[in-house]
Amino acid sequence: MKTASFFIFCLFIFNSVLAQVGPEFLWMEENPGLAREKYQLYKDAMIMEDYKAAVDPLNWLLENNPELNKAIYIEGVTIYTQLEKKETDKLLKEHYQNKILDLYETRIKYYKEEADVLRRMGRVAYNFWVKRDDPEKWDKIYKLYSRILTLNKANTPRYQMKILMQASVNNFKKGEISQDEVFKEYGEITEVIESGLAESSETSKEKWEELEEEITSLLLHVVEDKCRFVNEHWKEIIEAQPERLNISKMAVLLLNKGNCDDNSLYLNALENLFLSEQKLKWAELISREYLKEKNYKNALVWKQKAMMAEDLSDSKKLELLFDQAKIHNQEGDKYKARELSLEALKISEQSGSSALRKNIYSFIGDLYMGSGEECYDNSSKVQSRLCYIKAYEMYALAGNSTKMDEASQQFPHINDIFSEGRKERDIIQIDCWIGGTVELKKRP
């Protein structure tokens, strides 16, 4: 049974090779009989899996009858691959590897089909070369895989394009190629990726997106003017193809590090990401950018959108409410700032941290402390200073003794209290925006 199975396997291999090589054999005119004998010797050795015995007759044919048939190159790769896999001696292993690569190159010399053969060569060349202590290895890798992409375009395997990008970056770092050459390779790979994404199924789409992310990450090592690069190479994609999330993510990374004068493309990329992923961090980054510009209206819009993020936690919801309160304060709306702060405090009674609650109480205290001008009353020095007593109450709830002391220094003077016919502990209505009542206290 084992013998029968092995015979079937060999028959399968023979038919597979025949499909590649065709039936025609060009035997040498000088001594066709000897050529046939050598051919049969290495074929028999292959069947017996005695690959070392196959080497001499194969090499004789390669030297004396090189245009016999493509089969000697295809099967030659098989023979030397089997020897290379089992070899432990480093020098001999490299010898076998070189023979495999030579067979691919010689096959191209006699039978053309360069695109297909180089693509096959690309399956092994990187693993052969990258482990060697050879200063020229990255140059070899770059030239081979660049040629593969040039010839194969969309038929280039994804992993071979990644190898090309890695080689481009390494050669750039060594000063072997220019930044423009790296961008050229990146651009050609990107064209293939765009084509792949347009025609891909859901499964293969993930693989194309993964490749896009990997090659773009490699590109970051050579980009000097990040803002210029993104605007020249990705602007159109970000604006017209928001679904290309990897490009938007990399643009965000580059533009954030580039500190560009114009942040419109950065915001556009962030919006693409939020619209697709609904993640909190994207909305918060957008809001932060608008805050830098003191565009409080848009900063608030994106803080509110952040409240709808899929990954929003209860604790983060409280922080966002508090953030909105602080923005309202920055734009001068203390009433709305307090309203949101009180809302956050109400929610935080069950789920908020004590530290956050203390911060919110201190913030409300700051609102009141900063309201001296709004709460000033020409007719009453006591009324003018009630805001500080209210601030003191908030600081007390926050446990902020330092600010409590500062607020108490602004309480009404005892003389003013008496002159207005009032006394300590009177309950007084606050007339300004703060509203409510407060227990009258005198300055210490």
Protein backbone atom coordinates (compact mmCIF):
# COMPACT_ATOMS: atom_id res chain seq x y z
CA MET A 1 0.00 0.00 0.00
CA LYS A 2 2.84 2.36 0.90
CA THR A 3 4.58 1.64 -2.41
CA ALA A 4 1.39 2.28 -4.35
CA SER A 5 0.85 5.59 -2.57
CA PHE A 6 4.41 6.68 -3.29
CA PHE A 7 4.00 5.77 -6.96
CA ILE A 8 0.83 7.86 -7.17
CA PHE A 9 2.64 10.78 -5.50
CA CYS A 10 5.50 10.57 -8.01
CA LEU A 11 3.00 10.40 -10.87
CA PHE A 12 1.31 13.52 -9.56
CA ILE A 13 4.63 15.37 -9.38
CA PHE A 14 5.54 14.23 -12.89
CA ASN A 15 2.24 15.47 -14.32
CA SER A 16 2.60 18.75 -12.47
CA VAL A 17 6.07 19.32 -13.86
CA LEU A 18 4.94 18.25 -17.34
CA ALA A 19 2.23 20.88 -17.23
CA GLN A 20 4.91 23.54 -16.70
CA VAL A 21 7.55 22.28 -19.11
CA GLY A 22 5.64 20.86 -22.05
CA PRO A 23 6.49 17.57 -23.77
CA GLU A 24 9.37 18.72 -26.02
CA PHE A 25 12.94 17.68 -25.11
CA LEU A 26 15.88 19.03 -27.13
CA TRP A 27 18.58 16.40 -26.78
CA MET A 28 22.13 17.49 -27.56
CA GLU A 29 23.29 16.63 -31.08
CA GLU A 30 26.80 15.53 -30.06
CA ASN A 31 25.79 12.71 -27.73
CA PRO A 32 22.02 12.39 -27.21
CA GLY A 33 22.39 8.90 -25.79
CA LEU A 34 24.61 10.07 -22.94
CA ALA A 35 22.23 12.97 -22.25
CA ARG A 36 19.31 10.53 -22.03
CA GLU A 37 21.30 8.36 -19.66
CA LYS A 38 22.13 11.30 -17.37
CA TYR A 39 18.51 12.39 -17.42
CA GLN A 40 17.33 8.92 -16.44
CA LEU A 41 19.93 8.68 -13.69
CA TYR A 42 18.81 11.82 -11.89
CA LYS A 43 15.12 10.93 -12.41
CA ASP A 44 15.67 7.51 -10.85
CA ALA A 45 17.56 9.07 -7.97
CA MET A 46 14.66 11.47 -7.36
CA ILE A 47 12.17 8.62 -7.27
CA MET A 48 14.35 6.87 -4.71
CA GLU A 49 14.69 10.18 -2.82
CA ASP A 50 18.48 9.86 -3.11
CA TYR A 51 18.97 13.54 -3.89
CA LYS A 52 22.74 13.53 -3.50
CA ALA A 53 22.97 10.86 -6.20
CA ALA A 54 20.87 13.11 -8.46
CA VAL A 55 23.31 16.02 -8.27
CA ASP A 56 26.08 14.84 -10.65
CA PRO A 57 23.89 13.76 -13.58
CA LEU A 58 21.73 16.89 -13.15
CA ASN A 59 24.75 19.19 -13.17
CA TRP A 60 26.13 17.39 -16.24
CA LEU A 61 22.90 18.20 -18.11
CA LEU A 62 22.88 21.79 -16.88
CA GLU A 63 26.40 22.25 -18.22
CA ASN A 64 26.22 20.21 -21.44
CA ASN A 65 22.55 20.27 -22.44
CA PRO A 66 21.17 23.45 -20.78
CA GLU A 67 18.26 23.80 -23.22
CA LEU A 68 17.06 20.23 -22.85
CA ASN A 69 13.80 21.22 -21.18
CA LYS A 70 12.54 23.45 -18.38
CA ALA A 71 12.13 20.28 -16.36
CA ILE A 72 15.82 20.14 -15.44
CA TYR A 73 15.52 23.57 -13.78
CA ILE A 74 12.23 22.85 -12.06
CA GLU A 75 13.38 19.46 -10.81
CA GLY A 76 16.82 20.86 -10.07
CA VAL A 77 15.19 23.28 -7.61
CA THR A 78 13.41 20.32 -6.03
CA ILE A 79 16.65 18.35 -5.67
CA TYR A 80 18.67 21.17 -4.14
CA THR A 81 15.76 22.23 -1.92
CA GLN A 82 15.65 18.77 -0.38
CA LEU A 83 19.41 18.81 0.17
CA GLU A 84 19.32 22.33 1.64
CA LYS A 85 16.58 21.47 4.13
CA LYS A 86 18.54 18.54 5.59
CA GLU A 87 21.99 20.11 5.53
CA THR A 88 23.44 21.30 8.86
CA ASP A 89 26.83 22.53 7.66
CA LYS A 90 26.53 26.31 7.20
CA LEU A 91 28.79 26.64 4.14
CA LEU A 92 27.29 23.68 2.33
CA LYS A 93 23.80 24.90 3.14
CA GLU A 94 24.61 28.28 1.58
CA HIS A 95 26.07 26.45 -1.44
CA TYR A 96 22.77 24.64 -1.97
CA GLN A 97 20.86 27.88 -1.56
CA ASN A 98 23.01 29.58 -4.19
CA LYS A 99 22.41 26.67 -6.57
CA ILE A 100 18.65 27.05 -6.14
CA LEU A 101 18.82 30.76 -6.95
CA ASP A 102 21.15 30.11 -9.91
CA LEU A 103 18.67 27.60 -11.29
CA TYR A 104 15.92 30.20 -11.29
CA GLU A 105 18.14 32.77 -13.02
CA THR A 106 19.43 30.29 -15.63
CA ARG A 107 15.89 29.14 -16.34
CA ILE A 108 15.00 32.77 -17.15
CA LYS A 109 18.06 33.00 -19.42
CA TYR A 110 16.89 30.09 -21.59
CA TYR A 111 13.10 30.08 -21.16
CA LYS A 112 12.17 33.68 -20.30
CA GLU A 113 8.94 33.85 -18.24
CA GLU A 114 10.81 36.26 -15.97
CA ALA A 115 7.78 37.52 -14.04
CA ASP A 116 6.62 34.05 -13.03
CA VAL A 117 10.07 32.64 -12.31
CA LEU A 118 11.24 35.62 -10.26
CA ARG A 119 8.05 35.43 -8.23
CA ARG A 120 8.89 31.78 -7.48
CA MET A 121 12.47 32.77 -6.67
CA GLY A 122 11.06 35.38 -4.31
CA ARG A 123 9.50 32.62 -2.21
CA VAL A 124 12.93 31.58 -0.94
CA ALA A 125 15.48 34.30 -1.71
CA TYR A 126 14.65 36.51 1.28
CA ASN A 127 14.98 33.67 3.79
CA PHE A 128 18.27 32.62 2.19
CA TRP A 129 19.85 36.07 2.16
CA VAL A 130 18.52 37.79 5.27
CA LYS A 131 20.28 35.43 7.70
CA ARG A 132 23.69 35.88 6.07
CA ASP A 133 26.50 38.07 7.29
CA ASP A 134 26.62 39.83 3.94
CA PRO A 135 26.84 43.66 3.75
CA GLU A 136 25.21 43.54 0.31
CA LYS A 137 22.25 41.39 1.30
CA TRP A 138 19.69 44.22 1.53
CA ASP A 139 20.79 45.55 -1.85
CA LYS A 140 20.21 42.09 -3.37
CA ILE A 141 16.83 41.78 -1.66
CA TYR A 142 15.79 45.25 -2.79
CA LYS A 143 16.74 44.71 -6.44
CA LEU A 144 15.05 41.30 -6.67
CA TYR A 145 11.75 42.23 -5.05
CA SER A 146 11.58 45.57 -6.82
CA ARG A 147 11.91 43.70 -10.11
CA ILE A 148 9.24 41.22 -9.02
CA LEU A 149 6.79 44.05 -8.33
CA THR A 150 7.63 45.82 -11.59
CA LEU A 151 6.92 42.68 -13.61
CA ASN A 152 4.01 41.21 -11.65
CA LYS A 153 2.12 44.28 -10.42
CA ALA A 154 -1.16 43.02 -8.92
CA ASN A 155 0.05 39.41 -9.11
CA THR A 156 2.84 40.11 -6.63
CA PRO A 157 2.27 38.18 -3.38
CA ARG A 158 1.50 40.45 -0.43
CA TYR A 159 4.41 39.20 1.67
CA GLN A 160 6.85 39.97 -1.15
CA MET A 161 5.66 43.59 -1.24
CA LYS A 162 6.27 43.82 2.50
CA ILE A 163 9.80 42.47 1.96
CA LEU A 164 10.37 45.11 -0.72
CA MET A 165 9.27 47.89 1.62
CA GLN A 166 11.54 46.62 4.39
CA ALA A 167 14.47 46.44 1.97
CA SER A 168 13.73 49.95 0.69
CA VAL A 169 13.80 51.38 4.22
CA ASN A 170 16.98 49.52 5.15
CA ASN A 171 18.76 50.64 1.98
CA PHE A 172 17.66 54.22 2.60
CA LYS A 173 19.13 54.10 6.09
CA LYS A 174 22.40 52.82 4.60
CA GLY A 175 22.41 55.66 2.07
CA GLU A 176 22.07 53.27 -0.86
CA ILE A 177 18.83 54.76 -2.20
CA SER A 178 17.12 58.15 -1.89
CA GLN A 179 13.93 59.03 -0.06
CA ASP A 180 12.22 59.56 -3.43
CA GLU A 181 13.06 55.98 -4.41
CA VAL A 182 11.45 54.72 -1.20
CA PHE A 183 8.36 56.81 -1.97
CA LYS A 184 8.30 55.40 -5.50
CA GLU A 185 8.24 51.82 -4.22
CA TYR A 186 5.65 52.77 -1.63
CA GLY A 187 3.50 54.37 -4.32
CA GLU A 188 3.64 51.28 -6.56
CA ILE A 189 2.76 49.01 -3.64
CA THR A 190 -0.11 51.31 -2.70
CA GLU A 191 -1.52 51.07 -6.23
CA VAL A 192 -1.62 47.29 -5.92
CA ILE A 193 -3.24 47.56 -2.48
CA GLU A 194 -5.92 49.92 -3.79
CA SER A 195 -6.68 47.48 -6.59
CA GLY A 196 -6.75 44.60 -4.12
CA LEU A 197 -9.10 46.42 -1.76
CA ALA A 198 -11.47 47.30 -4.60
CA GLU A 199 -11.75 43.70 -5.76
CA SER A 200 -11.40 41.83 -2.47
CA SER A 201 -13.79 39.74 -0.44
CA GLU A 202 -14.29 40.49 3.26
CA THR A 203 -11.59 37.96 4.21
CA SER A 204 -8.96 39.16 1.78
CA LYS A 205 -9.84 42.78 2.54
CA GLU A 206 -8.48 42.32 6.06
CA LYS A 207 -5.22 40.98 4.62
CA TRP A 208 -4.88 43.95 2.25
CA GLU A 209 -5.56 46.35 5.11
CA GLU A 210 -2.97 44.57 7.24
CA LEU A 211 -0.39 44.95 4.46
CA GLU A 212 -1.27 48.63 4.06
CA GLU A 213 -0.72 49.20 7.77
CA GLU A 214 2.59 47.32 7.76
CA ILE A 215 4.14 49.10 4.78
CA THR A 216 2.98 52.48 6.04
CA SER A 217 4.51 51.78 9.45
CA LEU A 218 7.79 51.01 7.68
CA LEU A 219 7.52 54.22 5.69
CA LEU A 220 7.47 56.29 8.88
CA HIS A 221 11.17 55.51 9.31
CA VAL A 222 12.10 57.60 6.27
CA VAL A 223 9.58 60.44 6.33
CA GLU A 224 11.25 63.71 7.31
CA ASP A 225 8.71 66.39 6.40
CA LYS A 226 5.64 64.59 7.71
CA CYS A 227 3.15 67.33 6.93
CA ARG A 228 4.28 67.65 3.33
CA PHE A 229 4.27 63.91 2.82
CA VAL A 230 0.71 63.44 4.06
CA ASN A 231 -0.59 66.34 1.98
CA GLU A 232 1.16 65.16 -1.19
CA HIS A 233 0.47 61.44 -0.92
CA TRP A 234 -2.67 60.93 1.19
CA LYS A 235 -4.78 64.09 1.01
CA GLU A 236 -6.93 62.84 -1.85
CA ILE A 237 -7.41 59.43 -0.22
CA ILE A 238 -8.41 60.92 3.14
CA GLU A 239 -10.93 63.27 1.52
CA ALA A 240 -12.40 60.93 -1.11
CA GLN A 241 -11.99 57.48 0.46
CA PRO A 242 -12.85 57.72 4.18
CA GLU A 243 -13.11 53.94 4.35
CA ARG A 244 -9.31 53.68 3.94
CA LEU A 245 -8.86 53.69 7.71
CA ASN A 246 -5.20 52.63 7.73
CA ILE A 247 -4.28 55.74 5.75
CA SER A 248 -6.28 57.95 8.11
CA LYS A 249 -4.65 56.30 11.14
CA MET A 250 -1.16 56.78 9.78
CA ALA A 251 -1.96 60.35 8.77
CA VAL A 252 -3.10 61.08 12.32
CA LEU A 253 0.15 59.64 13.66
CA LEU A 254 2.35 61.59 11.24
CA LEU A 255 0.49 64.88 11.42
CA ASN A 256 0.38 64.76 15.19
CA LYS A 257 4.16 64.30 15.28
CA GLY A 258 4.72 66.82 12.51
CA ASN A 259 3.10 69.76 14.32
CA CYS A 260 1.68 71.12 11.06
CA ASP A 261 0.49 74.70 10.65
CA ASP A 262 -2.75 73.61 8.97
CA ASN A 263 -4.63 70.96 10.94
CA SER A 264 -7.62 70.60 8.58
CA LEU A 265 -6.38 67.31 7.09
CA TYR A 266 -5.60 66.00 10.58
CA LEU A 267 -9.17 66.75 11.64
CA ASN A 268 -10.52 65.18 8.45
CA ALA A 269 -8.60 61.96 9.12
CA LEU A 270 -9.80 61.87 12.73
CA GLU A 271 -13.40 62.34 11.61
CA ASN A 272 -13.01 59.42 9.19
CA LEU A 273 -11.86 57.24 12.06
CA PHE A 274 -14.63 58.30 14.43
CA LEU A 275 -17.38 57.87 11.83
CA SER A 276 -16.17 54.34 11.17
CA GLU A 277 -15.15 53.15 14.61
CA GLN A 278 -17.07 55.40 17.04
CA LYS A 279 -14.13 55.28 19.44
CA LEU A 280 -13.82 57.75 22.28
CA LYS A 281 -10.18 58.65 21.61
CA TRP A 282 -10.90 59.98 18.11
CA ALA A 283 -13.66 62.33 19.31
CA GLU A 284 -11.50 63.54 22.17
CA LEU A 285 -8.56 64.28 19.86
CA ILE A 286 -10.84 66.30 17.57
CA SER A 287 -12.25 68.25 20.51
CA ARG A 288 -8.72 68.94 21.75
CA GLU A 289 -7.73 70.39 18.36
CA TYR A 290 -10.68 72.77 18.37
CA LEU A 291 -9.84 73.81 21.91
CA LYS A 292 -6.33 74.75 20.78
CA GLU A 293 -7.95 77.12 18.29
CA LYS A 294 -10.37 78.39 20.98
CA ASN A 295 -13.20 77.15 18.81
CA TYR A 296 -15.35 76.30 21.82
CA LYS A 297 -18.48 75.59 19.81
CA ASN A 298 -16.90 72.74 17.83
CA ALA A 299 -14.95 71.54 20.86
CA LEU A 300 -18.28 71.08 22.67
CA VAL A 301 -19.85 69.36 19.66
CA TRP A 302 -17.14 66.72 19.70
CA LYS A 303 -17.24 66.29 23.47
CA GLN A 304 -20.96 65.57 23.02
CA LYS A 305 -20.23 63.10 20.20
CA ALA A 306 -17.71 61.43 22.49
CA MET A 307 -20.62 60.72 24.83
CA MET A 308 -22.00 58.41 22.10
CA ALA A 309 -18.77 56.45 21.66
CA GLU A 310 -19.08 52.66 21.71
CA ASP A 311 -16.29 52.27 24.26
CA LEU A 312 -17.62 54.89 26.70
CA SER A 313 -17.47 53.85 30.37
CA ASP A 314 -19.48 55.36 33.22
CA SER A 315 -16.39 56.96 34.73
CA LYS A 316 -15.42 58.45 31.36
CA LYS A 317 -18.94 59.81 30.91
CA LEU A 318 -18.48 61.80 34.12
CA GLU A 319 -15.15 63.14 32.91
CA LEU A 320 -16.72 64.21 29.61
CA LEU A 321 -19.50 66.06 31.39
CA PHE A 322 -16.90 67.79 33.52
CA ASP A 323 -14.84 68.58 30.40
CA GLN A 324 -17.88 70.22 28.82
CA ALA A 325 -18.42 72.24 31.98
CA LYS A 326 -14.84 73.55 31.76
CA ILE A 327 -15.28 74.48 28.09
CA HIS A 328 -18.47 76.40 28.86
CA ASN A 329 -16.53 78.26 31.51
CA GLN A 330 -13.80 79.10 28.98
CA GLU A 331 -16.37 80.62 26.66
CA GLY A 332 -17.81 82.62 29.57
CA ASP A 333 -20.97 80.66 30.31
CA LYS A 334 -20.58 79.99 34.04
CA TYR A 335 -24.24 79.11 34.47
CA LYS A 336 -24.03 76.24 31.95
CA ALA A 337 -20.67 75.21 33.40
CA ARG A 338 -22.23 74.84 36.83
CA GLU A 339 -25.28 73.03 35.43
CA LEU A 340 -23.15 70.32 33.83
CA SER A 341 -20.93 70.10 36.90
CA LEU A 342 -23.95 69.48 39.12
CA GLU A 343 -25.22 66.88 36.64
CA ALA A 344 -21.87 65.10 36.83
CA LEU A 345 -21.97 65.23 40.64
CA LYS A 346 -25.43 63.71 40.68
CA ILE A 347 -24.34 60.81 38.48
CA SER A 348 -21.12 60.38 40.42
CA GLU A 349 -22.96 59.69 43.67
CA GLN A 350 -23.08 56.04 42.65
CA SER A 351 -20.28 55.51 40.15
CA GLY A 352 -17.84 58.42 40.40
CA SER A 353 -14.50 58.46 42.19
CA SER A 354 -14.10 60.61 45.26
CA ALA A 355 -11.15 62.39 43.62
CA LEU A 356 -13.30 63.43 40.65
CA ARG A 357 -16.09 64.64 42.92
CA LYS A 358 -13.61 66.78 44.85
CA ASN A 359 -12.30 68.26 41.61
CA ILE A 360 -15.82 69.13 40.50
CA TYR A 361 -16.64 70.81 43.83
CA SER A 362 -13.40 72.80 43.59
CA PHE A 363 -14.27 73.80 40.03
CA ILE A 364 -17.70 75.10 41.07
CA GLY A 365 -15.95 76.94 43.88
CA ASP A 366 -13.65 78.53 41.29
CA LEU A 367 -16.70 79.61 39.28
CA TYR A 368 -18.06 81.40 42.33
CA MET A 369 -14.65 82.79 43.32
CA GLY A 370 -14.31 84.33 39.87
CA SER A 371 -17.73 85.96 39.98
CA GLY A 372 -16.84 89.03 42.06
CA GLU A 373 -17.38 91.39 39.14
CA GLU A 374 -20.68 89.84 38.04
CA CYS A 375 -22.01 89.74 41.60
CA TYR A 376 -20.88 93.25 42.57
CA ASP A 377 -23.72 95.38 44.02
CA ASN A 378 -23.17 99.13 44.40
CA SER A 379 -25.79 99.30 47.13
CA SER A 380 -24.48 96.46 49.32
CA LYS A 381 -20.96 95.42 50.22
CA VAL A 382 -22.38 92.32 51.90
CA GLN A 383 -24.30 91.24 48.80
CA SER A 384 -21.18 91.85 46.71
CA ARG A 385 -19.25 89.29 48.76
CA LEU A 386 -21.77 86.49 49.13
CA CYS A 387 -20.22 84.72 46.11
CA TYR A 388 -17.09 84.09 48.19
CA ILE A 389 -19.05 82.48 51.00
CA LYS A 390 -20.68 80.22 48.38
CA ALA A 391 -17.24 79.42 46.99
CA TYR A 392 -16.07 78.56 50.51
CA GLU A 393 -18.91 76.05 50.86
CA MET A 394 -17.87 74.31 47.62
CA TYR A 395 -14.21 74.19 48.66
CA ALA A 396 -15.27 72.71 51.99
CA LEU A 397 -17.12 69.92 50.18
CA ALA A 398 -13.95 69.38 48.14
CA GLY A 399 -11.81 69.27 51.28
CA ASN A 400 -9.62 72.00 49.79
CA SER A 401 -8.38 73.88 52.86
CA THR A 402 -6.04 76.15 50.92
CA LYS A 403 -8.82 77.55 48.77
CA MET A 404 -11.15 77.70 51.76
CA ASP A 405 -8.66 80.08 53.40
CA GLU A 406 -8.43 82.17 50.23
CA ALA A 407 -12.20 82.44 49.98
CA SER A 408 -12.66 83.32 53.67
CA GLN A 409 -10.33 86.30 53.23
CA GLN A 410 -12.97 87.77 50.87
CA PHE A 411 -15.92 87.40 53.26
CA PRO A 412 -17.81 90.60 54.26
CA HIS A 413 -16.14 92.65 56.99
CA ILE A 414 -17.98 92.61 60.34
CA ASN A 415 -18.41 96.39 60.15
CA ASP A 416 -20.19 96.09 56.78
CA ILE A 417 -22.47 93.41 58.18
CA PHE A 418 -23.48 95.60 61.15
CA SER A 419 -23.83 98.75 59.04
CA GLU A 420 -26.36 96.96 56.80
CA GLY A 421 -28.32 95.81 59.83
CA ARG A 422 -27.37 92.14 59.44
CA LYS A 423 -25.70 89.57 61.67
CA GLU A 424 -23.72 86.36 61.26
CA ARG A 425 -25.71 83.27 60.32
CA ASP A 426 -28.43 85.27 58.63
CA ILE A 427 -29.75 83.38 55.60
CA ILE A 428 -29.42 85.71 52.62
CA GLN A 429 -30.59 85.35 49.02
CA ILE A 430 -27.81 85.76 46.45
CA ASP A 431 -28.98 88.16 43.76
CA CYS A 432 -26.50 87.47 40.96
CA TRP A 433 -26.34 84.47 38.53
CA ILE A 434 -25.33 82.13 41.37
CA GLY A 435 -28.78 82.35 42.99
CA GLY A 436 -29.90 80.41 46.02
CA THR A 437 -29.17 81.32 49.62
CA VAL A 438 -26.14 81.36 51.85
CA GLU A 439 -25.47 81.59 55.59
CA LEU A 440 -23.74 84.87 56.29
CA LYS A 441 -20.15 84.64 57.59
CA LYS A 442 -17.70 87.36 58.53
CA ARG A 443 -14.11 87.72 57.43
CA PRO A 444 -11.72 85.99 59.89
